[in-house]
Amino acid sequence: MRAQPLGGYVEIVCCAVRWYCRFQFLLDIEELLFERAVIVRYETIRRRCDMFGAGLARRVNAARRRACS
């Protein structure tokens, strides 16, 4: 099977960023996506984490606090 670029690029990168923020294994995430025929470079994930990681972490922590209350 040949890997094809997908139209849902934003959703895929967002998912990869969430995984990276949670598990901190950047190259493993790139490999995991590649095994599922999704090509996303680790530089892309890292850049998006730099841009959106802090906001994502704040939202996750706020959701956890609401769930625990």
PDB file of N, CA and C in Angstrom:
ATOM      1  N   MET A   1       0.856  -1.173   0.000  1.00  0.00           N
ATOM      2  CA  MET A   1       0.000   0.000   0.000  1.00  0.00           C
ATOM      3  C   MET A   1       0.894   1.227   0.000  1.00  0.00           C
ATOM      4  N   ARG A   2       0.578   2.168  -0.847  1.00  0.00           N
ATOM      5  CA  ARG A   2       1.346   3.394  -0.943  1.00  0.00           C
ATOM      6  C   ARG A   2       0.685   4.490  -0.114  1.00  0.00           C
ATOM      7  N   ALA A   3       1.481   5.204   0.662  1.00  0.00           N
ATOM      8  CA  ALA A   3       0.952   6.273   1.508  1.00  0.00           C
ATOM      9  C   ALA A   3       0.480   7.435   0.647  1.00  0.00           C
ATOM     10  N   GLN A   4      -0.691   7.956   0.941  1.00  0.00           N
ATOM     11  CA  GLN A   4      -1.278   9.069   0.199  1.00  0.00           C
ATOM     12  C   GLN A   4      -1.521  10.238   1.138  1.00  0.00           C
ATOM     13  N   PRO A   5      -1.292  11.475   0.670  1.00  0.00           N
ATOM     14  CA  PRO A   5      -1.650  12.625   1.506  1.00  0.00           C
ATOM     15  C   PRO A   5      -3.162  12.694   1.670  1.00  0.00           C
ATOM     16  N   LEU A   6      -3.607  13.101   2.835  1.00  0.00           N
ATOM     17  CA  LEU A   6      -5.035  13.132   3.128  1.00  0.00           C
ATOM     18  C   LEU A   6      -5.569  14.544   3.149  1.00  0.00           C
ATOM     19  N   GLY A   7      -6.848  14.703   2.896  1.00  0.00           N
ATOM     20  CA  GLY A   7      -7.474  16.006   2.933  1.00  0.00           C
ATOM     21  C   GLY A   7      -7.719  16.505   4.345  1.00  0.00           C
ATOM     22  N   GLY A   8      -7.777  15.635   5.333  1.00  0.00           N
ATOM     23  CA  GLY A   8      -8.035  16.012   6.716  1.00  0.00           C
ATOM     24  C   GLY A   8      -6.746  16.359   7.457  1.00  0.00           C
ATOM     25  N   TYR A   9      -5.876  17.111   6.804  1.00  0.00           N
ATOM     26  CA  TYR A   9      -4.551  17.419   7.332  1.00  0.00           C
ATOM     27  C   TYR A   9      -4.613  18.068   8.707  1.00  0.00           C
ATOM     28  N   VAL A  10      -5.486  19.031   8.883  1.00  0.00           N
ATOM     29  CA  VAL A  10      -5.558  19.764  10.148  1.00  0.00           C
ATOM     30  C   VAL A  10      -5.929  18.828  11.291  1.00  0.00           C
ATOM     31  N   GLU A  11      -6.908  17.967  11.084  1.00  0.00           N
ATOM     32  CA  GLU A  11      -7.334  17.043  12.127  1.00  0.00           C
ATOM     33  C   GLU A  11      -6.220  16.059  12.479  1.00  0.00           C
ATOM     34  N   ILE A  12      -5.485  15.613  11.487  1.00  0.00           N
ATOM     35  CA  ILE A  12      -4.398  14.663  11.720  1.00  0.00           C
ATOM     36  C   ILE A  12      -3.281  15.304  12.528  1.00  0.00           C
ATOM     37  N   VAL A  13      -2.900  16.525  12.146  1.00  0.00           N
ATOM     38  CA  VAL A  13      -1.840  17.211  12.871  1.00  0.00           C
ATOM     39  C   VAL A  13      -2.286  17.531  14.296  1.00  0.00           C
ATOM     40  N   CYS A  14      -3.541  17.930  14.473  1.00  0.00           N
ATOM     41  CA  CYS A  14      -4.060  18.187  15.830  1.00  0.00           C
ATOM     42  C   CYS A  14      -3.994  16.928  16.689  1.00  0.00           C
ATOM     43  N   CYS A  15      -4.348  15.817  16.116  1.00  0.00           N
ATOM     44  CA  CYS A  15      -4.280  14.546  16.840  1.00  0.00           C
ATOM     45  C   CYS A  15      -2.830  14.227  17.211  1.00  0.00           C
ATOM     46  N   ALA A  16      -1.913  14.423  16.282  1.00  0.00           N
ATOM     47  CA  ALA A  16      -0.499  14.166  16.547  1.00  0.00           C
ATOM     48  C   ALA A  16       0.032  15.088  17.641  1.00  0.00           C
ATOM     49  N   VAL A  17      -0.398  16.345  17.643  1.00  0.00           N
ATOM     50  CA  VAL A  17       0.020  17.292  18.684  1.00  0.00           C
ATOM     51  C   VAL A  17      -0.500  16.840  20.039  1.00  0.00           C
ATOM     52  N   ARG A  18      -1.760  16.415  20.101  1.00  0.00           N
ATOM     53  CA  ARG A  18      -2.308  15.917  21.373  1.00  0.00           C
ATOM     54  C   ARG A  18      -1.511  14.723  21.872  1.00  0.00           C
ATOM     55  N   TRP A  19      -1.194  13.793  20.969  1.00  0.00           N
ATOM     56  CA  TRP A  19      -0.403  12.629  21.361  1.00  0.00           C
ATOM     57  C   TRP A  19       0.964  13.044  21.856  1.00  0.00           C
ATOM     58  N   TYR A  20       1.590  13.998  21.163  1.00  0.00           N
ATOM     59  CA  TYR A  20       2.921  14.437  21.584  1.00  0.00           C
ATOM     60  C   TYR A  20       2.862  15.108  22.952  1.00  0.00           C
ATOM     61  N   CYS A  21       1.885  15.969  23.170  1.00  0.00           N
ATOM     62  CA  CYS A  21       1.760  16.641  24.461  1.00  0.00           C
ATOM     63  C   CYS A  21       1.526  15.638  25.585  1.00  0.00           C
ATOM     64  N   ARG A  22       0.873  14.552  25.263  1.00  0.00           N
ATOM     65  CA  ARG A  22       0.592  13.554  26.295  1.00  0.00           C
ATOM     66  C   ARG A  22       1.744  12.573  26.511  1.00  0.00           C
ATOM     67  N   PHE A  23       2.356  12.098  25.425  1.00  0.00           N
ATOM     68  CA  PHE A  23       3.324  11.005  25.533  1.00  0.00           C
ATOM     69  C   PHE A  23       4.777  11.415  25.317  1.00  0.00           C
ATOM     70  N   GLN A  24       5.056  12.555  24.693  1.00  0.00           N
ATOM     71  CA  GLN A  24       6.407  13.083  24.481  1.00  0.00           C
ATOM     72  C   GLN A  24       7.318  12.178  23.649  1.00  0.00           C
ATOM     73  N   PHE A  25       6.769  11.433  22.701  1.00  0.00           N
ATOM     74  CA  PHE A  25       7.566  10.586  21.815  1.00  0.00           C
ATOM     75  C   PHE A  25       7.352  11.025  20.376  1.00  0.00           C
ATOM     76  N   LEU A  26       8.056  12.065  19.976  1.00  0.00           N
ATOM     77  CA  LEU A  26       7.812  12.699  18.684  1.00  0.00           C
ATOM     78  C   LEU A  26       8.079  11.759  17.520  1.00  0.00           C
ATOM     79  N   LEU A  27       9.237  11.116  17.486  1.00  0.00           N
ATOM     80  CA  LEU A  27       9.555  10.245  16.356  1.00  0.00           C
ATOM     81  C   LEU A  27       8.678   9.002  16.346  1.00  0.00           C
ATOM     82  N   ASP A  28       8.282   8.526  17.510  1.00  0.00           N
ATOM     83  CA  ASP A  28       7.379   7.384  17.571  1.00  0.00           C
ATOM     84  C   ASP A  28       6.002   7.738  17.003  1.00  0.00           C
ATOM     85  N   ILE A  29       5.559   8.964  17.233  1.00  0.00           N
ATOM     86  CA  ILE A  29       4.273   9.398  16.691  1.00  0.00           C
ATOM     87  C   ILE A  29       4.345   9.478  15.176  1.00  0.00           C
ATOM     88  N   GLU A  30       5.460   9.991  14.647  1.00  0.00           N
ATOM     89  CA  GLU A  30       5.636  10.036  13.196  1.00  0.00           C
ATOM     90  C   GLU A  30       5.579   8.628  12.615  1.00  0.00           C
ATOM     91  N   GLU A  31       6.243   7.681  13.254  1.00  0.00           N
ATOM     92  CA  GLU A  31       6.247   6.296  12.783  1.00  0.00           C
ATOM     93  C   GLU A  31       4.863   5.661  12.911  1.00  0.00           C
ATOM     94  N   LEU A  32       4.173   5.924  14.005  1.00  0.00           N
ATOM     95  CA  LEU A  32       2.830   5.394  14.207  1.00  0.00           C
ATOM     96  C   LEU A  32       1.890   5.862  13.098  1.00  0.00           C
ATOM     97  N   LEU A  33       1.943   7.144  12.773  1.00  0.00           N
ATOM     98  CA  LEU A  33       1.099   7.660  11.696  1.00  0.00           C
ATOM     99  C   LEU A  33       1.496   7.075  10.348  1.00  0.00           C
ATOM    100  N   PHE A  34       2.808   6.912  10.113  1.00  0.00           N
ATOM    101  CA  PHE A  34       3.275   6.352   8.851  1.00  0.00           C
ATOM    102  C   PHE A  34       2.780   4.921   8.663  1.00  0.00           C
ATOM    103  N   GLU A  35       2.729   4.150   9.753  1.00  0.00           N
ATOM    104  CA  GLU A  35       2.212   2.780   9.673  1.00  0.00           C
ATOM    105  C   GLU A  35       0.752   2.764   9.248  1.00  0.00           C
ATOM    106  N   ARG A  36       0.059   3.852   9.476  1.00  0.00           N
ATOM    107  CA  ARG A  36      -1.351   3.965   9.080  1.00  0.00           C
ATOM    108  C   ARG A  36      -1.501   4.757   7.778  1.00  0.00           C
ATOM    109  N   ALA A  37      -0.402   4.834   7.014  1.00  0.00           N
ATOM    110  CA  ALA A  37      -0.367   5.472   5.694  1.00  0.00           C
ATOM    111  C   ALA A  37      -0.634   6.968   5.765  1.00  0.00           C
ATOM    112  N   VAL A  38      -0.198   7.614   6.851  1.00  0.00           N
ATOM    113  CA  VAL A  38      -0.326   9.056   7.005  1.00  0.00           C
ATOM    114  C   VAL A  38       1.083   9.621   7.119  1.00  0.00           C
ATOM    115  N   ILE A  39       1.444  10.507   6.214  1.00  0.00           N
ATOM    116  CA  ILE A  39       2.785  11.078   6.220  1.00  0.00           C
ATOM    117  C   ILE A  39       2.727  12.465   6.835  1.00  0.00           C
ATOM    118  N   VAL A  40       3.284  12.578   8.031  1.00  0.00           N
ATOM    119  CA  VAL A  40       3.413  13.853   8.732  1.00  0.00           C
ATOM    120  C   VAL A  40       4.824  13.884   9.287  1.00  0.00           C
ATOM    121  N   ARG A  41       5.586  14.900   8.929  1.00  0.00           N
ATOM    122  CA  ARG A  41       6.970  15.013   9.397  1.00  0.00           C
ATOM    123  C   ARG A  41       7.006  15.451  10.851  1.00  0.00           C
ATOM    124  N   TYR A  42       8.029  15.010  11.554  1.00  0.00           N
ATOM    125  CA  TYR A  42       8.136  15.367  12.968  1.00  0.00           C
ATOM    126  C   TYR A  42       8.341  16.856  13.153  1.00  0.00           C
ATOM    127  N   GLU A  43       8.959  17.541  12.149  1.00  0.00           N
ATOM    128  CA  GLU A  43       9.127  18.989  12.251  1.00  0.00           C
ATOM    129  C   GLU A  43       7.773  19.695  12.287  1.00  0.00           C
ATOM    130  N   THR A  44       6.830  19.184  11.528  1.00  0.00           N
ATOM    131  CA  THR A  44       5.489  19.771  11.510  1.00  0.00           C
ATOM    132  C   THR A  44       4.828  19.635  12.874  1.00  0.00           C
ATOM    133  N   ILE A  45       4.926  18.461  13.458  1.00  0.00           N
ATOM    134  CA  ILE A  45       4.325  18.237  14.772  1.00  0.00           C
ATOM    135  C   ILE A  45       4.996  19.132  15.812  1.00  0.00           C
ATOM    136  N   ARG A  46       6.334  19.205  15.765  1.00  0.00           N
ATOM    137  CA  ARG A  46       7.065  20.018  16.730  1.00  0.00           C
ATOM    138  C   ARG A  46       6.712  21.495  16.606  1.00  0.00           C
ATOM    139  N   ARG A  47       6.628  22.006  15.364  1.00  0.00           N
ATOM    140  CA  ARG A  47       6.264  23.416  15.160  1.00  0.00           C
ATOM    141  C   ARG A  47       4.867  23.703  15.676  1.00  0.00           C
ATOM    142  N   ARG A  48       3.924  22.810  15.418  1.00  0.00           N
ATOM    143  CA  ARG A  48       2.555  23.013  15.895  1.00  0.00           C
ATOM    144  C   ARG A  48       2.489  22.913  17.413  1.00  0.00           C
ATOM    145  N   CYS A  49       3.307  22.065  18.013  1.00  0.00           N
ATOM    146  CA  CYS A  49       3.356  21.991  19.476  1.00  0.00           C
ATOM    147  C   CYS A  49       3.868  23.305  20.051  1.00  0.00           C
ATOM    148  N   ASP A  50       4.878  23.885  19.403  1.00  0.00           N
ATOM    149  CA  ASP A  50       5.386  25.176  19.862  1.00  0.00           C
ATOM    150  C   ASP A  50       4.318  26.254  19.763  1.00  0.00           C
ATOM    151  N   MET A  51       3.512  26.202  18.697  1.00  0.00           N
ATOM    152  CA  MET A  51       2.485  27.226  18.481  1.00  0.00           C
ATOM    153  C   MET A  51       1.269  27.027  19.381  1.00  0.00           C
ATOM    154  N   PHE A  52       0.797  25.795  19.503  1.00  0.00           N
ATOM    155  CA  PHE A  52      -0.492  25.528  20.142  1.00  0.00           C
ATOM    156  C   PHE A  52      -0.417  24.689  21.404  1.00  0.00           C
ATOM    157  N   GLY A  53       0.752  24.214  21.768  1.00  0.00           N
ATOM    158  CA  GLY A  53       0.881  23.291  22.895  1.00  0.00           C
ATOM    159  C   GLY A  53       0.436  23.874  24.226  1.00  0.00           C
ATOM    160  N   ALA A  54       0.818  25.128  24.507  1.00  0.00           N
ATOM    161  CA  ALA A  54       0.465  25.735  25.794  1.00  0.00           C
ATOM    162  C   ALA A  54      -1.044  25.902  25.927  1.00  0.00           C
ATOM    163  N   GLY A  55      -1.703  26.356  24.876  1.00  0.00           N
ATOM    164  CA  GLY A  55      -3.158  26.511  24.903  1.00  0.00           C
ATOM    165  C   GLY A  55      -3.861  25.176  25.052  1.00  0.00           C
ATOM    166  N   LEU A  56      -3.358  24.178  24.354  1.00  0.00           N
ATOM    167  CA  LEU A  56      -3.933  22.839  24.455  1.00  0.00           C
ATOM    168  C   LEU A  56      -3.784  22.305  25.876  1.00  0.00           C
ATOM    169  N   ALA A  57      -2.613  22.497  26.468  1.00  0.00           N
ATOM    170  CA  ALA A  57      -2.387  22.024  27.836  1.00  0.00           C
ATOM    171  C   ALA A  57      -3.325  22.719  28.820  1.00  0.00           C
ATOM    172  N   ARG A  58      -3.556  24.032  28.642  1.00  0.00           N
ATOM    173  CA  ARG A  58      -4.480  24.756  29.529  1.00  0.00           C
ATOM    174  C   ARG A  58      -5.892  24.198  29.416  1.00  0.00           C
ATOM    175  N   ARG A  59      -6.351  23.939  28.188  1.00  0.00           N
ATOM    176  CA  ARG A  59      -7.703  23.403  27.998  1.00  0.00           C
ATOM    177  C   ARG A  59      -7.842  22.011  28.598  1.00  0.00           C
ATOM    178  N   VAL A  60      -6.811  21.175  28.439  1.00  0.00           N
ATOM    179  CA  VAL A  60      -6.856  19.821  28.991  1.00  0.00           C
ATOM    180  C   VAL A  60      -6.901  19.877  30.509  1.00  0.00           C
ATOM    181  N   ASN A  61      -6.055  20.713  31.107  1.00  0.00           N
ATOM    182  CA  ASN A  61      -6.044  20.818  32.569  1.00  0.00           C
ATOM    183  C   ASN A  61      -7.362  21.362  33.099  1.00  0.00           C
ATOM    184  N   ALA A  62      -7.951  22.328  32.409  1.00  0.00           N
ATOM    185  CA  ALA A  62      -9.242  22.867  32.832  1.00  0.00           C
ATOM    186  C   ALA A  62     -10.327  21.789  32.747  1.00  0.00           C
ATOM    187  N   ALA A  63     -10.295  20.993  31.689  1.00  0.00           N
ATOM    188  CA  ALA A  63     -11.286  19.924  31.538  1.00  0.00           C
ATOM    189  C   ALA A  63     -11.107  18.870  32.626  1.00  0.00           C
ATOM    190  N   ARG A  64      -9.874  18.578  32.984  1.00  0.00           N
ATOM    191  CA  ARG A  64      -9.630  17.601  34.048  1.00  0.00           C
ATOM    192  C   ARG A  64     -10.146  18.109  35.384  1.00  0.00           C
ATOM    193  N   ARG A  65      -9.921  19.410  35.662  1.00  0.00           N
ATOM    194  CA  ARG A  65     -10.395  19.977  36.918  1.00  0.00           C
ATOM    195  C   ARG A  65     -11.929  19.937  36.991  1.00  0.00           C
ATOM    196  N   ARG A  66     -12.608  20.239  35.860  1.00  0.00           N
ATOM    197  CA  ARG A  66     -14.077  20.183  35.838  1.00  0.00           C
ATOM    198  C   ARG A  66     -14.570  18.761  36.036  1.00  0.00           C
ATOM    199  N   ALA A  67     -13.876  17.791  35.443  1.00  0.00           N
ATOM    200  CA  ALA A  67     -14.302  16.399  35.564  1.00  0.00           C
ATOM    201  C   ALA A  67     -14.124  15.871  36.983  1.00  0.00           C
ATOM    202  N   CYS A  68     -13.129  16.367  37.673  1.00  0.00           N
ATOM    203  CA  CYS A  68     -12.862  15.907  39.044  1.00  0.00           C
ATOM    204  C   CYS A  68     -13.775  16.565  40.071  1.00  0.00           C
ATOM    205  N   SER A  69     -14.379  17.665  39.712  1.00  0.00           N
ATOM    206  CA  SER A  69     -15.230  18.396  40.676  1.00  0.00           C
ATOM    207  C   SER A  69     -16.545  17.709  40.882  1.00  0.00           C
TER     208      SER A  69
END
